[in-house]
């Protein structure tokens, strides 16, 4: 019986030692993790600054893009207004009228 108690006390001491080692290991990992997080934040500051600059540039470029889209829409409306006088369309109509006159002559025998 005394042998079993001594053996259990030895196992208890070994387990307490293992628990202490694991707790020390956990504390070392926690401290390393905090440093790595702080290092990440410190190293990522240039990235954050670049991201903010990109966002400002993007906002400016989006405003410019919107202005250019409005200008394109205005110019397309103006071009549509002059569409009746487009030389290509006028020539197409002239050819179509000539073809229609020939077809009428063939049908009517004139």
N, C-alpha and C. Protein backbone atom coordinates (compact mmCIF):
# COMPACT_ATOMS: atom_id res chain seq x y z
N UNK A 1 0.81 -1.18 0.00
CA UNK A 1 0.00 0.00 0.00
C UNK A 1 0.87 1.26 0.00
N UNK A 2 1.91 1.26 0.86
CA UNK A 2 2.79 2.41 0.91
C UNK A 2 3.50 2.60 -0.43
N UNK A 3 3.75 1.51 -1.13
CA UNK A 3 4.39 1.60 -2.44
C UNK A 3 3.48 2.28 -3.47
N UNK A 4 2.20 1.98 -3.40
CA UNK A 4 1.26 2.61 -4.33
C UNK A 4 1.12 4.09 -4.05
N UNK A 5 1.12 4.44 -2.75
CA UNK A 5 1.01 5.86 -2.40
C UNK A 5 2.25 6.61 -2.87
N UNK A 6 3.39 6.02 -2.69
CA UNK A 6 4.63 6.66 -3.12
C UNK A 6 4.64 6.80 -4.65
N UNK A 7 4.17 5.76 -5.31
CA UNK A 7 4.11 5.81 -6.78
C UNK A 7 3.13 6.89 -7.24
N UNK A 8 1.98 7.02 -6.59
CA UNK A 8 1.00 8.04 -6.94
C UNK A 8 1.56 9.43 -6.68
N UNK A 9 2.32 9.58 -5.57
CA UNK A 9 2.93 10.89 -5.28
C UNK A 9 3.97 11.25 -6.33
N UNK A 10 4.73 10.27 -6.79
CA UNK A 10 5.71 10.51 -7.85
C UNK A 10 5.01 10.93 -9.15
N UNK A 11 3.92 10.24 -9.49
CA UNK A 11 3.16 10.60 -10.69
C UNK A 11 2.58 12.00 -10.55
N UNK A 12 2.08 12.32 -9.33
CA UNK A 12 1.53 13.65 -9.09
C UNK A 12 2.61 14.71 -9.25
N UNK A 13 3.80 14.46 -8.72
CA UNK A 13 4.90 15.41 -8.86
C UNK A 13 5.29 15.57 -10.33
N UNK A 14 5.34 14.47 -11.08
CA UNK A 14 5.68 14.53 -12.51
C UNK A 14 4.62 15.31 -13.28
N UNK A 15 3.35 15.07 -12.96
CA UNK A 15 2.28 15.79 -13.65
C UNK A 15 2.29 17.27 -13.29
N UNK A 16 2.56 17.60 -11.99
CA UNK A 16 2.67 19.01 -11.61
C UNK A 16 3.82 19.69 -12.35
N UNK A 17 4.92 18.97 -12.50
CA UNK A 17 6.07 19.51 -13.24
C UNK A 17 5.70 19.74 -14.71
N UNK A 18 4.99 18.78 -15.29
CA UNK A 18 4.57 18.91 -16.69
C UNK A 18 3.59 20.08 -16.86
N UNK A 19 2.69 20.26 -15.90
CA UNK A 19 1.74 21.38 -15.95
C UNK A 19 2.48 22.70 -15.87
N UNK A 20 3.47 22.76 -14.99
CA UNK A 20 4.26 24.00 -14.86
C UNK A 20 5.00 24.30 -16.16
N UNK A 21 5.58 23.26 -16.78
CA UNK A 21 6.29 23.46 -18.05
C UNK A 21 5.31 23.93 -19.14
N UNK A 22 4.13 23.34 -19.18
CA UNK A 22 3.14 23.73 -20.19
C UNK A 22 2.67 25.17 -19.96
N UNK A 23 2.46 25.55 -18.69
CA UNK A 23 2.06 26.93 -18.40
C UNK A 23 3.14 27.91 -18.81
N UNK A 24 4.41 27.55 -18.55
CA UNK A 24 5.52 28.42 -18.96
C UNK A 24 5.56 28.53 -20.48
N UNK A 25 5.33 27.43 -21.17
CA UNK A 25 5.33 27.43 -22.64
C UNK A 25 4.18 28.30 -23.17
N UNK A 26 3.03 28.20 -22.54
CA UNK A 26 1.88 29.02 -22.95
C UNK A 26 2.19 30.50 -22.76
N UNK A 27 2.81 30.85 -21.65
CA UNK A 27 3.15 32.26 -21.40
C UNK A 27 4.16 32.76 -22.42
N UNK A 28 5.15 31.92 -22.76
CA UNK A 28 6.12 32.33 -23.78
C UNK A 28 5.43 32.56 -25.12
N UNK A 29 4.51 31.68 -25.48
CA UNK A 29 3.78 31.83 -26.75
C UNK A 29 2.90 33.07 -26.73
N UNK A 30 2.26 33.34 -25.60
CA UNK A 30 1.43 34.54 -25.51
C UNK A 30 2.27 35.80 -25.68
N UNK A 31 3.41 35.83 -25.03
CA UNK A 31 4.25 37.02 -25.15
C UNK A 31 4.79 37.17 -26.57
N UNK A 32 5.12 36.06 -27.20
CA UNK A 32 5.59 36.12 -28.59
C UNK A 32 4.47 36.56 -29.52
N UNK A 33 3.27 36.12 -29.25
CA UNK A 33 2.14 36.50 -30.09
C UNK A 33 1.86 37.99 -29.98
N UNK A 34 1.92 38.53 -28.80
CA UNK A 34 1.70 39.96 -28.63
C UNK A 34 2.74 40.74 -29.40
N UNK A 35 4.00 40.29 -29.34
CA UNK A 35 5.05 40.97 -30.09
C UNK A 35 4.80 40.85 -31.59
N UNK A 36 4.38 39.69 -32.02
CA UNK A 36 4.14 39.52 -33.45
C UNK A 36 2.97 40.38 -33.91
N UNK A 37 1.95 40.52 -33.07
CA UNK A 37 0.82 41.37 -33.43
C UNK A 37 1.27 42.82 -33.50
N UNK A 38 2.05 43.24 -32.50
CA UNK A 38 2.56 44.61 -32.52
C UNK A 38 3.47 44.83 -33.71
N UNK A 39 4.30 43.84 -34.04
CA UNK A 39 5.19 43.94 -35.19
C UNK A 39 4.36 44.03 -36.47
N UNK A 40 3.30 43.22 -36.56
CA UNK A 40 2.44 43.26 -37.73
C UNK A 40 1.80 44.63 -37.90
N UNK A 41 1.30 45.19 -36.79
CA UNK A 41 0.68 46.51 -36.85
C UNK A 41 1.71 47.55 -37.24
N UNK A 42 2.91 47.46 -36.66
CA UNK A 42 3.95 48.42 -36.98
C UNK A 42 4.36 48.33 -38.44
N UNK A 43 4.52 47.09 -38.94
CA UNK A 43 4.92 46.92 -40.33
C UNK A 43 3.80 47.23 -41.30
N UNK A 44 2.55 47.12 -40.86
CA UNK A 44 1.44 47.35 -41.77
C UNK A 44 1.05 48.82 -41.85
N UNK A 45 1.66 49.68 -41.05
CA UNK A 45 1.32 51.12 -41.13
C UNK A 45 1.59 51.69 -42.52
N UNK A 46 2.73 51.38 -43.16
CA UNK A 46 2.90 51.87 -44.54
C UNK A 46 1.82 51.34 -45.47
N UNK A 47 1.42 50.10 -45.27
CA UNK A 47 0.36 49.53 -46.09
C UNK A 47 -0.95 50.28 -45.88
N UNK A 48 -1.26 50.60 -44.62
CA UNK A 48 -2.49 51.34 -44.32
C UNK A 48 -2.42 52.73 -44.94
N UNK A 49 -1.26 53.38 -44.86
CA UNK A 49 -1.12 54.70 -45.48
C UNK A 49 -1.29 54.61 -46.99
N UNK A 50 -0.71 53.58 -47.58
CA UNK A 50 -0.85 53.40 -49.03
C UNK A 50 -2.30 53.12 -49.39
N UNK A 51 -2.99 52.36 -48.55
CA UNK A 51 -4.40 52.06 -48.80
C UNK A 51 -5.24 53.33 -48.74
N UNK A 52 -4.96 54.20 -47.78
CA UNK A 52 -5.69 55.46 -47.67
C UNK A 52 -5.42 56.35 -48.89
N UNK A 53 -4.17 56.37 -49.33
CA UNK A 53 -3.82 57.16 -50.52
C UNK A 53 -4.53 56.59 -51.74
N UNK A 54 -4.58 55.26 -51.85
CA UNK A 54 -5.28 54.61 -52.96
C UNK A 54 -6.76 54.97 -52.93
N UNK A 55 -7.35 54.97 -51.74
CA UNK A 55 -8.77 55.29 -51.63
C UNK A 55 -9.04 56.72 -52.08
N UNK A 56 -8.16 57.65 -51.68
CA UNK A 56 -8.33 59.04 -52.10
C UNK A 56 -8.17 59.16 -53.61
N UNK A 57 -7.18 58.47 -54.16
CA UNK A 57 -6.96 58.50 -55.61
C UNK A 57 -8.15 57.89 -56.33
N UNK A 58 -8.65 56.81 -55.81
CA UNK A 58 -9.80 56.14 -56.43
C UNK A 58 -11.03 57.04 -56.41
N UNK A 59 -11.25 57.74 -55.30
CA UNK A 59 -12.40 58.64 -55.22
C UNK A 59 -12.27 59.75 -56.26
N UNK A 60 -11.07 60.30 -56.38
CA UNK A 60 -10.84 61.35 -57.37
C UNK A 60 -11.07 60.82 -58.78
N UNK A 61 -10.54 59.65 -59.06
CA UNK A 61 -10.69 59.08 -60.40
C UNK A 61 -12.14 58.69 -60.70
N UNK A 62 -12.89 58.26 -59.69
CA UNK A 62 -14.30 57.96 -59.91
C UNK A 62 -15.08 59.23 -60.25
N UNK A 63 -14.75 60.33 -59.58
CA UNK A 63 -15.40 61.60 -59.90
C UNK A 63 -15.08 62.03 -61.32
N UNK A 64 -13.82 61.86 -61.72
CA UNK A 64 -13.42 62.20 -63.09
C UNK A 64 -14.12 61.30 -64.10
N UNK A 65 -14.24 60.01 -63.78
CA UNK A 65 -14.91 59.07 -64.66
C UNK A 65 -16.38 59.45 -64.85
N UNK A 66 -17.04 59.85 -63.76
CA UNK A 66 -18.44 60.26 -63.84
C UNK A 66 -18.59 61.50 -64.72
N UNK A 67 -17.68 62.45 -64.55
CA UNK A 67 -17.72 63.67 -65.38
C UNK A 67 -17.52 63.32 -66.85
N UNK A 68 -16.60 62.40 -67.14
CA UNK A 68 -16.36 62.01 -68.53
C UNK A 68 -17.55 61.25 -69.12
N UNK A 69 -18.22 60.46 -68.29
CA UNK A 69 -19.42 59.77 -68.77
C UNK A 69 -20.51 60.78 -69.15
N UNK A 70 -20.68 61.79 -68.33
CA UNK A 70 -21.67 62.83 -68.64
C UNK A 70 -21.32 63.54 -69.95
N UNK A 71 -20.03 63.81 -70.15
CA UNK A 71 -19.60 64.48 -71.38
C UNK A 71 -19.86 63.58 -72.59
N UNK A 72 -19.59 62.29 -72.45
CA UNK A 72 -19.83 61.35 -73.55
C UNK A 72 -21.32 61.30 -73.89
N UNK A 73 -22.17 61.24 -72.87
CA UNK A 73 -23.62 61.21 -73.11
C UNK A 73 -24.07 62.47 -73.82
N UNK A 74 -23.55 63.63 -73.40
CA UNK A 74 -23.91 64.90 -74.05
C UNK A 74 -23.47 64.89 -75.52
N UNK A 75 -22.26 64.43 -75.78
CA UNK A 75 -21.76 64.40 -77.15
C UNK A 75 -22.52 63.39 -78.02
N UNK A 76 -22.95 62.28 -77.43
CA UNK A 76 -23.74 61.32 -78.20
C UNK A 76 -25.10 61.90 -78.56
N UNK A 77 -25.70 62.65 -77.64
CA UNK A 77 -26.98 63.30 -77.96
C UNK A 77 -26.80 64.33 -79.07
N UNK A 78 -25.72 65.08 -79.01
CA UNK A 78 -25.45 66.08 -80.04
C UNK A 78 -25.21 65.41 -81.39
N UNK A 79 -24.48 64.30 -81.39
CA UNK A 79 -24.22 63.57 -82.62
C UNK A 79 -25.51 63.00 -83.19
N UNK A 80 -26.39 62.53 -82.32
CA UNK A 80 -27.69 62.01 -82.78
C UNK A 80 -28.51 63.12 -83.42
N UNK A 81 -28.39 64.35 -82.91
CA UNK A 81 -29.12 65.47 -83.50
C UNK A 81 -28.63 65.76 -84.92
N UNK A 82 -27.34 65.59 -85.16
CA UNK A 82 -26.79 65.83 -86.49
C UNK A 82 -26.83 64.57 -87.35
N UNK A 83 -27.42 63.50 -86.86
CA UNK A 83 -27.42 62.22 -87.57
C UNK A 83 -28.09 62.27 -88.92
N UNK A 84 -29.08 63.13 -89.09
CA UNK A 84 -29.78 63.21 -90.38
C UNK A 84 -28.87 63.74 -91.49
N UNK A 85 -27.86 64.49 -91.12
CA UNK A 85 -26.96 65.08 -92.11
C UNK A 85 -25.66 64.30 -92.24
N UNK A 86 -25.61 63.15 -91.68
CA UNK A 86 -24.40 62.33 -91.75
C UNK A 86 -24.18 61.90 -93.19
N UNK A 87 -23.00 62.18 -93.76
CA UNK A 87 -22.76 61.87 -95.18
C UNK A 87 -22.92 60.38 -95.50
N UNK A 88 -22.56 59.52 -94.61
CA UNK A 88 -22.69 58.08 -94.88
C UNK A 88 -24.17 57.71 -94.97
N UNK A 89 -24.97 58.22 -94.04
CA UNK A 89 -26.40 57.91 -94.06
C UNK A 89 -27.09 58.53 -95.27
N UNK A 90 -26.68 59.73 -95.65
CA UNK A 90 -27.26 60.38 -96.83
C UNK A 90 -26.95 59.55 -98.08
N UNK A 91 -25.72 59.06 -98.20
CA UNK A 91 -25.35 58.25 -99.36
C UNK A 91 -26.13 56.93 -99.37
N UNK A 92 -26.32 56.32 -98.20
CA UNK A 92 -27.10 55.09 -98.12
C UNK A 92 -28.53 55.34 -98.58
N UNK A 93 -29.11 56.46 -98.18
CA UNK A 93 -30.47 56.80 -98.59
C UNK A 93 -30.53 57.05 -100.09
N UNK A 94 -29.52 57.71 -100.64
CA UNK A 94 -29.48 57.99 -102.07
C UNK A 94 -29.44 56.68 -102.86
N UNK A 95 -28.64 55.73 -102.44
CA UNK A 95 -28.55 54.43 -103.11
C UNK A 95 -29.88 53.69 -102.98
N UNK A 96 -30.50 53.75 -101.77
CA UNK A 96 -31.78 53.07 -101.55
C UNK A 96 -32.87 53.67 -102.43
N UNK A 97 -32.87 54.99 -102.59
CA UNK A 97 -33.88 55.64 -103.44
C UNK A 97 -33.67 55.23 -104.90
N UNK A 98 -32.42 55.19 -105.34
CA UNK A 98 -32.14 54.77 -106.73
C UNK A 98 -32.58 53.34 -106.96
N UNK A 99 -32.33 52.45 -106.00
CA UNK A 99 -32.75 51.05 -106.13
C UNK A 99 -34.27 50.95 -106.16
N UNK A 100 -34.94 51.75 -105.33
CA UNK A 100 -36.41 51.75 -105.28
C UNK A 100 -36.98 52.24 -106.62
N UNK A 101 -36.38 53.28 -107.21
CA UNK A 101 -36.87 53.80 -108.51
C UNK A 101 -36.71 52.74 -109.60
N UNK A 102 -35.60 52.03 -109.60
CA UNK A 102 -35.40 50.96 -110.59
C UNK A 102 -36.43 49.86 -110.41
N UNK A 103 -36.73 49.51 -109.15
CA UNK A 103 -37.71 48.45 -108.89
C UNK A 103 -39.10 48.89 -109.34
N UNK A 104 -39.46 50.16 -109.11
CA UNK A 104 -40.77 50.67 -109.55
C UNK A 104 -40.85 50.62 -111.07
N UNK A 105 -39.76 51.00 -111.74
CA UNK A 105 -39.74 50.95 -113.22
C UNK A 105 -39.93 49.54 -113.73
N UNK A 106 -39.32 48.58 -113.08
CA UNK A 106 -39.47 47.19 -113.53
C UNK A 106 -40.90 46.70 -113.30
N UNK A 107 -41.50 47.05 -112.20
CA UNK A 107 -42.85 46.59 -111.87
C UNK A 107 -43.91 47.27 -112.73
N UNK A 108 -43.70 48.51 -113.01
CA UNK A 108 -44.74 49.24 -113.76
C UNK A 108 -44.46 49.22 -115.27
N UNK A 109 -43.30 48.81 -115.66
CA UNK A 109 -42.96 48.75 -117.07
C UNK A 109 -42.63 50.12 -117.63
N UNK A 110 -42.32 51.05 -116.80
CA UNK A 110 -42.03 52.40 -117.27
C UNK A 110 -40.58 52.59 -117.58
